[in-house]
């Protein structure tokens, strides 16, 4: 799961600003 988070860049996505599920899914193509 950490591997998936790293490859999707989830930490970059939420750095400094929280995101909704739909925002994260759209940004990561998941």
ModelCIF file with pLDDT and N, C-alpha, C, O atoms, coordinates in Angstrom:
data_MODEL
#
_entry.id   MODEL 
#
_entity.id                         1 
_entity.type                       polymer 
_entity.pdbx_number_of_molecules   1 
#
_entity_poly.entity_id                      1 
_entity_poly.type                           'polypeptide(L)' 
_entity_poly.nstd_linkage                   no 
_entity_poly.nstd_monomer                   no 
_entity_poly.pdbx_seq_one_letter_code       
;(UNK)(UNK)(UNK)(UNK)(UNK)(UNK)(UNK)(UNK)(UNK)(UNK)(UNK)(UNK)(UNK)(UNK)(UNK)(UNK)
(UNK)(UNK)(UNK)(UNK)(UNK)(UNK)(UNK)(UNK)(UNK)(UNK)(UNK)(UNK)(UNK)(UNK)
;
_entity_poly.pdbx_seq_one_letter_code_can   XXXXXXXXXXXXXXXXXXXXXXXXXXXXXX 
_entity_poly.pdbx_strand_id                 A 
#
loop_
_entity_poly_seq.entity_id 
_entity_poly_seq.num 
_entity_poly_seq.mon_id 
_entity_poly_seq.hetero 
1 1  UNK n 
1 2  UNK n 
1 3  UNK n 
1 4  UNK n 
1 5  UNK n 
1 6  UNK n 
1 7  UNK n 
1 8  UNK n 
1 9  UNK n 
1 10 UNK n 
1 11 UNK n 
1 12 UNK n 
1 13 UNK n 
1 14 UNK n 
1 15 UNK n 
1 16 UNK n 
1 17 UNK n 
1 18 UNK n 
1 19 UNK n 
1 20 UNK n 
1 21 UNK n 
1 22 UNK n 
1 23 UNK n 
1 24 UNK n 
1 25 UNK n 
1 26 UNK n 
1 27 UNK n 
1 28 UNK n 
1 29 UNK n 
1 30 UNK n 
#
_struct_asym.id          A 
_struct_asym.entity_id   1 
#
loop_
_ma_qa_metric.id 
_ma_qa_metric.mode 
_ma_qa_metric.name 
_ma_qa_metric.software_group_id 
_ma_qa_metric.type 
1 global pLDDT . pLDDT 
2 local  pLDDT . pLDDT 
#
_ma_qa_metric_global.metric_id      1 
_ma_qa_metric_global.metric_value   97.23 
_ma_qa_metric_global.model_id       1 
_ma_qa_metric_global.ordinal_id     1 
#
loop_
_ma_qa_metric_local.label_asym_id 
_ma_qa_metric_local.label_comp_id 
_ma_qa_metric_local.label_seq_id 
_ma_qa_metric_local.metric_id 
_ma_qa_metric_local.metric_value 
_ma_qa_metric_local.model_id 
_ma_qa_metric_local.ordinal_id 
A UNK 1  2 98.00 1 1  
A UNK 2  2 98.00 1 2  
A UNK 3  2 97.00 1 3  
A UNK 4  2 98.00 1 4  
A UNK 5  2 98.00 1 5  
A UNK 6  2 97.00 1 6  
A UNK 7  2 97.00 1 7  
A UNK 8  2 98.00 1 8  
A UNK 9  2 97.00 1 9  
A UNK 10 2 98.00 1 10 
A UNK 11 2 98.00 1 11 
A UNK 12 2 98.00 1 12 
A UNK 13 2 97.00 1 13 
A UNK 14 2 97.00 1 14 
A UNK 15 2 96.00 1 15 
A UNK 16 2 89.00 1 16 
A UNK 17 2 95.00 1 17 
A UNK 18 2 97.00 1 18 
A UNK 19 2 97.00 1 19 
A UNK 20 2 98.00 1 20 
A UNK 21 2 98.00 1 21 
A UNK 22 2 98.00 1 22 
A UNK 23 2 98.00 1 23 
A UNK 24 2 98.00 1 24 
A UNK 25 2 98.00 1 25 
A UNK 26 2 98.00 1 26 
A UNK 27 2 97.00 1 27 
A UNK 28 2 98.00 1 28 
A UNK 29 2 98.00 1 29 
A UNK 30 2 98.00 1 30 
#
loop_
_atom_site.group_PDB 
_atom_site.id 
_atom_site.type_symbol 
_atom_site.label_atom_id 
_atom_site.label_alt_id 
_atom_site.label_comp_id 
_atom_site.label_asym_id 
_atom_site.label_entity_id 
_atom_site.label_seq_id 
_atom_site.pdbx_PDB_ins_code 
_atom_site.Cartn_x 
_atom_site.Cartn_y 
_atom_site.Cartn_z 
_atom_site.occupancy 
_atom_site.B_iso_or_equiv 
_atom_site.pdbx_formal_charge 
_atom_site.auth_seq_id 
_atom_site.auth_comp_id 
_atom_site.auth_asym_id 
_atom_site.auth_atom_id 
_atom_site.pdbx_PDB_model_num 
ATOM 1   N N  . UNK A 1 1  ? 0.832   -1.203 0.000   1.00 98.00 ? 1  UNK A N  1 
ATOM 2   C CA . UNK A 1 1  ? 0.000   0.000  0.000   1.00 98.00 ? 1  UNK A CA 1 
ATOM 3   C C  . UNK A 1 1  ? 0.865   1.251  0.000   1.00 98.00 ? 1  UNK A C  1 
ATOM 4   O O  . UNK A 1 1  ? 0.515   2.249  -0.629  1.00 98.00 ? 1  UNK A O  1 
ATOM 5   N N  . UNK A 1 2  ? 1.992   1.203  0.701   1.00 98.00 ? 2  UNK A N  1 
ATOM 6   C CA . UNK A 1 2  ? 2.940   2.314  0.661   1.00 98.00 ? 2  UNK A CA 1 
ATOM 7   C C  . UNK A 1 2  ? 3.505   2.470  -0.752  1.00 98.00 ? 2  UNK A C  1 
ATOM 8   O O  . UNK A 1 2  ? 3.699   3.587  -1.231  1.00 98.00 ? 2  UNK A O  1 
ATOM 9   N N  . UNK A 1 3  ? 3.765   1.342  -1.412  1.00 97.00 ? 3  UNK A N  1 
ATOM 10  C CA . UNK A 1 3  ? 4.241   1.375  -2.792  1.00 97.00 ? 3  UNK A CA 1 
ATOM 11  C C  . UNK A 1 3  ? 3.228   2.083  -3.694  1.00 97.00 ? 3  UNK A C  1 
ATOM 12  O O  . UNK A 1 3  ? 3.599   2.929  -4.507  1.00 97.00 ? 3  UNK A O  1 
ATOM 13  N N  . UNK A 1 4  ? 1.963   1.736  -3.549  1.00 98.00 ? 4  UNK A N  1 
ATOM 14  C CA . UNK A 1 4  ? 0.910   2.377  -4.341  1.00 98.00 ? 4  UNK A CA 1 
ATOM 15  C C  . UNK A 1 4  ? 0.854   3.876  -4.037  1.00 98.00 ? 4  UNK A C  1 
ATOM 16  O O  . UNK A 1 4  ? 0.768   4.700  -4.948  1.00 98.00 ? 4  UNK A O  1 
ATOM 17  N N  . UNK A 1 5  ? 0.903   4.217  -2.755  1.00 98.00 ? 5  UNK A N  1 
ATOM 18  C CA . UNK A 1 5  ? 0.864   5.629  -2.366  1.00 98.00 ? 5  UNK A CA 1 
ATOM 19  C C  . UNK A 1 5  ? 2.036   6.398  -2.965  1.00 98.00 ? 5  UNK A C  1 
ATOM 20  O O  . UNK A 1 5  ? 1.875   7.529  -3.424  1.00 98.00 ? 5  UNK A O  1 
ATOM 21  N N  . UNK A 1 6  ? 3.212   5.783  -2.958  1.00 97.00 ? 6  UNK A N  1 
ATOM 22  C CA . UNK A 1 6  ? 4.391   6.444  -3.509  1.00 97.00 ? 6  UNK A CA 1 
ATOM 23  C C  . UNK A 1 6  ? 4.267   6.620  -5.015  1.00 97.00 ? 6  UNK A C  1 
ATOM 24  O O  . UNK A 1 6  ? 4.545   7.699  -5.538  1.00 97.00 ? 6  UNK A O  1 
ATOM 25  N N  . UNK A 1 7  ? 3.855   5.575  -5.712  1.00 97.00 ? 7  UNK A N  1 
ATOM 26  C CA . UNK A 1 7  ? 3.766   5.652  -7.172  1.00 97.00 ? 7  UNK A CA 1 
ATOM 27  C C  . UNK A 1 7  ? 2.665   6.604  -7.627  1.00 97.00 ? 7  UNK A C  1 
ATOM 28  O O  . UNK A 1 7  ? 2.797   7.241  -8.672  1.00 97.00 ? 7  UNK A O  1 
ATOM 29  N N  . UNK A 1 8  ? 1.600   6.709  -6.874  1.00 98.00 ? 8  UNK A N  1 
ATOM 30  C CA . UNK A 1 8  ? 0.527   7.645  -7.218  1.00 98.00 ? 8  UNK A CA 1 
ATOM 31  C C  . UNK A 1 8  ? 0.846   9.080  -6.788  1.00 98.00 ? 8  UNK A C  1 
ATOM 32  O O  . UNK A 1 8  ? 0.158   10.019 -7.188  1.00 98.00 ? 8  UNK A O  1 
ATOM 33  N N  . UNK A 1 9  ? 1.891   9.245  -5.971  1.00 97.00 ? 9  UNK A N  1 
ATOM 34  C CA . UNK A 1 9  ? 2.240   10.588 -5.495  1.00 97.00 ? 9  UNK A CA 1 
ATOM 35  C C  . UNK A 1 9  ? 1.203   11.162 -4.545  1.00 97.00 ? 9  UNK A C  1 
ATOM 36  O O  . UNK A 1 9  ? 0.949   12.366 -4.555  1.00 97.00 ? 9  UNK A O  1 
ATOM 37  N N  . UNK A 1 10 ? 0.598   10.301 -3.717  1.00 98.00 ? 10 UNK A N  1 
ATOM 38  C CA . UNK A 1 10 ? -0.446  10.770 -2.801  1.00 98.00 ? 10 UNK A CA 1 
ATOM 39  C C  . UNK A 1 10 ? 0.081   11.796 -1.801  1.00 98.00 ? 10 UNK A C  1 
ATOM 40  O O  . UNK A 1 10 ? -0.620  12.744 -1.448  1.00 98.00 ? 10 UNK A O  1 
ATOM 41  N N  . UNK A 1 11 ? 1.313   11.604 -1.351  1.00 98.00 ? 11 UNK A N  1 
ATOM 42  C CA . UNK A 1 11 ? 1.876   12.551 -0.380  1.00 98.00 ? 11 UNK A CA 1 
ATOM 43  C C  . UNK A 1 11 ? 2.021   13.936 -0.990  1.00 98.00 ? 11 UNK A C  1 
ATOM 44  O O  . UNK A 1 11 ? 1.791   14.940 -0.317  1.00 98.00 ? 11 UNK A O  1 
ATOM 45  N N  . UNK A 1 12 ? 2.398   13.993 -2.256  1.00 98.00 ? 12 UNK A N  1 
ATOM 46  C CA . UNK A 1 12 ? 2.482   15.291 -2.937  1.00 98.00 ? 12 UNK A CA 1 
ATOM 47  C C  . UNK A 1 12 ? 1.099   15.915 -3.087  1.00 98.00 ? 12 UNK A C  1 
ATOM 48  O O  . UNK A 1 12 ? 0.941   17.130 -2.970  1.00 98.00 ? 12 UNK A O  1 
ATOM 49  N N  . UNK A 1 13 ? 0.104   15.076 -3.345  1.00 97.00 ? 13 UNK A N  1 
ATOM 50  C CA . UNK A 1 13 ? -1.253  15.584 -3.567  1.00 97.00 ? 13 UNK A CA 1 
ATOM 51  C C  . UNK A 1 13 ? -1.826  16.266 -2.324  1.00 97.00 ? 13 UNK A C  1 
ATOM 52  O O  . UNK A 1 13 ? -2.526  17.273 -2.435  1.00 97.00 ? 13 UNK A O  1 
ATOM 53  N N  . UNK A 1 14 ? -1.530  15.721 -1.145  1.00 97.00 ? 14 UNK A N  1 
ATOM 54  C CA . UNK A 1 14 ? -2.135  16.274 0.078   1.00 97.00 ? 14 UNK A CA 1 
ATOM 55  C C  . UNK A 1 14 ? -1.191  17.205 0.829   1.00 97.00 ? 14 UNK A C  1 
ATOM 56  O O  . UNK A 1 14 ? -1.542  17.716 1.892   1.00 97.00 ? 14 UNK A O  1 
ATOM 57  N N  . UNK A 1 15 ? -0.013  17.427 0.295   1.00 96.00 ? 15 UNK A N  1 
ATOM 58  C CA . UNK A 1 15 ? 0.949   18.308 0.967   1.00 96.00 ? 15 UNK A CA 1 
ATOM 59  C C  . UNK A 1 15 ? 0.428   19.743 0.952   1.00 96.00 ? 15 UNK A C  1 
ATOM 60  O O  . UNK A 1 15 ? 0.229   20.332 -0.111  1.00 96.00 ? 15 UNK A O  1 
ATOM 61  N N  . UNK A 1 16 ? 0.212   20.292 2.130   1.00 89.00 ? 16 UNK A N  1 
ATOM 62  C CA . UNK A 1 16 ? -0.200  21.693 2.233   1.00 89.00 ? 16 UNK A CA 1 
ATOM 63  C C  . UNK A 1 16 ? -1.686  21.947 2.045   1.00 89.00 ? 16 UNK A C  1 
ATOM 64  O O  . UNK A 1 16 ? -2.177  23.012 2.420   1.00 89.00 ? 16 UNK A O  1 
ATOM 65  N N  . UNK A 1 17 ? -2.405  21.003 1.480   1.00 95.00 ? 17 UNK A N  1 
ATOM 66  C CA . UNK A 1 17 ? -3.841  21.194 1.259   1.00 95.00 ? 17 UNK A CA 1 
ATOM 67  C C  . UNK A 1 17 ? -4.545  19.851 1.224   1.00 95.00 ? 17 UNK A C  1 
ATOM 68  O O  . UNK A 1 17 ? -4.186  18.982 0.429   1.00 95.00 ? 17 UNK A O  1 
ATOM 69  N N  . UNK A 1 18 ? -5.537  19.672 2.071   1.00 97.00 ? 18 UNK A N  1 
ATOM 70  C CA . UNK A 1 18 ? -6.288  18.416 2.098   1.00 97.00 ? 18 UNK A CA 1 
ATOM 71  C C  . UNK A 1 18 ? -7.138  18.298 0.832   1.00 97.00 ? 18 UNK A C  1 
ATOM 72  O O  . UNK A 1 18 ? -7.499  19.301 0.216   1.00 97.00 ? 18 UNK A O  1 
ATOM 73  N N  . UNK A 1 19 ? -7.452  17.054 0.455   1.00 97.00 ? 19 UNK A N  1 
ATOM 74  C CA . UNK A 1 19 ? -8.182  16.797 -0.784  1.00 97.00 ? 19 UNK A CA 1 
ATOM 75  C C  . UNK A 1 19 ? -9.336  15.836 -0.523  1.00 97.00 ? 19 UNK A C  1 
ATOM 76  O O  . UNK A 1 19 ? -9.276  15.009 0.386   1.00 97.00 ? 19 UNK A O  1 
ATOM 77  N N  . UNK A 1 20 ? -10.375 15.954 -1.323  1.00 98.00 ? 20 UNK A N  1 
ATOM 78  C CA . UNK A 1 20 ? -11.479 15.014 -1.257  1.00 98.00 ? 20 UNK A CA 1 
ATOM 79  C C  . UNK A 1 20 ? -11.106 13.733 -1.995  1.00 98.00 ? 20 UNK A C  1 
ATOM 80  O O  . UNK A 1 20 ? -10.126 13.697 -2.740  1.00 98.00 ? 20 UNK A O  1 
ATOM 81  N N  . UNK A 1 21 ? -11.885 12.698 -1.785  1.00 98.00 ? 21 UNK A N  1 
ATOM 82  C CA . UNK A 1 21 ? -11.647 11.440 -2.481  1.00 98.00 ? 21 UNK A CA 1 
ATOM 83  C C  . UNK A 1 21 ? -11.745 11.629 -3.992  1.00 98.00 ? 21 UNK A C  1 
ATOM 84  O O  . UNK A 1 21 ? -10.905 11.126 -4.738  1.00 98.00 ? 21 UNK A O  1 
ATOM 85  N N  . UNK A 1 22 ? -12.756 12.344 -4.439  1.00 98.00 ? 22 UNK A N  1 
ATOM 86  C CA . UNK A 1 22 ? -12.929 12.525 -5.884  1.00 98.00 ? 22 UNK A CA 1 
ATOM 87  C C  . UNK A 1 22 ? -11.764 13.301 -6.477  1.00 98.00 ? 22 UNK A C  1 
ATOM 88  O O  . UNK A 1 22 ? -11.337 13.015 -7.595  1.00 98.00 ? 22 UNK A O  1 
ATOM 89  N N  . UNK A 1 23 ? -11.247 14.275 -5.746  1.00 98.00 ? 23 UNK A N  1 
ATOM 90  C CA . UNK A 1 23 ? -10.091 15.043 -6.227  1.00 98.00 ? 23 UNK A CA 1 
ATOM 91  C C  . UNK A 1 23 ? -8.862  14.144 -6.360  1.00 98.00 ? 23 UNK A C  1 
ATOM 92  O O  . UNK A 1 23 ? -8.132  14.219 -7.348  1.00 98.00 ? 23 UNK A O  1 
ATOM 93  N N  . UNK A 1 24 ? -8.644  13.292 -5.352  1.00 98.00 ? 24 UNK A N  1 
ATOM 94  C CA . UNK A 1 24 ? -7.476  12.402 -5.392  1.00 98.00 ? 24 UNK A CA 1 
ATOM 95  C C  . UNK A 1 24 ? -7.622  11.366 -6.499  1.00 98.00 ? 24 UNK A C  1 
ATOM 96  O O  . UNK A 1 24 ? -6.657  11.064 -7.201  1.00 98.00 ? 24 UNK A O  1 
ATOM 97  N N  . UNK A 1 25 ? -8.813  10.826 -6.656  1.00 98.00 ? 25 UNK A N  1 
ATOM 98  C CA . UNK A 1 25 ? -9.027  9.827  -7.699  1.00 98.00 ? 25 UNK A CA 1 
ATOM 99  C C  . UNK A 1 25 ? -8.823  10.428 -9.079  1.00 98.00 ? 25 UNK A C  1 
ATOM 100 O O  . UNK A 1 25 ? -8.228  9.799  -9.955  1.00 98.00 ? 25 UNK A O  1 
ATOM 101 N N  . UNK A 1 26 ? -9.315  11.642 -9.273  1.00 98.00 ? 26 UNK A N  1 
ATOM 102 C CA . UNK A 1 26 ? -9.159  12.298 -10.572 1.00 98.00 ? 26 UNK A CA 1 
ATOM 103 C C  . UNK A 1 26 ? -7.693  12.617 -10.846 1.00 98.00 ? 26 UNK A C  1 
ATOM 104 O O  . UNK A 1 26 ? -7.215  12.443 -11.967 1.00 98.00 ? 26 UNK A O  1 
ATOM 105 N N  . UNK A 1 27 ? -6.986  13.081 -9.829  1.00 97.00 ? 27 UNK A N  1 
ATOM 106 C CA . UNK A 1 27 ? -5.584  13.470 -10.004 1.00 97.00 ? 27 UNK A CA 1 
ATOM 107 C C  . UNK A 1 27 ? -4.674  12.276 -10.248 1.00 97.00 ? 27 UNK A C  1 
ATOM 108 O O  . UNK A 1 27 ? -3.639  12.403 -10.901 1.00 97.00 ? 27 UNK A O  1 
ATOM 109 N N  . UNK A 1 28 ? -5.061  11.113 -9.722  1.00 98.00 ? 28 UNK A N  1 
ATOM 110 C CA . UNK A 1 28 ? -4.200  9.926  -9.834  1.00 98.00 ? 28 UNK A CA 1 
ATOM 111 C C  . UNK A 1 28 ? -4.705  8.920  -10.861 1.00 98.00 ? 28 UNK A C  1 
ATOM 112 O O  . UNK A 1 28 ? -4.048  7.909  -11.110 1.00 98.00 ? 28 UNK A O  1 
ATOM 113 N N  . UNK A 1 29 ? -5.862  9.186  -11.458 1.00 98.00 ? 29 UNK A N  1 
ATOM 114 C CA . UNK A 1 29 ? -6.405  8.277  -12.454 1.00 98.00 ? 29 UNK A CA 1 
ATOM 115 C C  . UNK A 1 29 ? -6.768  6.921  -11.896 1.00 98.00 ? 29 UNK A C  1 
ATOM 116 O O  . UNK A 1 29 ? -6.487  5.892  -12.512 1.00 98.00 ? 29 UNK A O  1 
ATOM 117 N N  . UNK A 1 30 ? -7.397  6.914  -10.722 1.00 98.00 ? 30 UNK A N  1 
ATOM 118 C CA . UNK A 1 30 ? -7.715  5.659  -10.042 1.00 98.00 ? 30 UNK A CA 1 
ATOM 119 C C  . UNK A 1 30 ? -9.222  5.500  -9.844  1.00 98.00 ? 30 UNK A C  1 
ATOM 120 O O  . UNK A 1 30 ? -9.669  4.498  -9.286  1.00 98.00 ? 30 UNK A O  1 
#
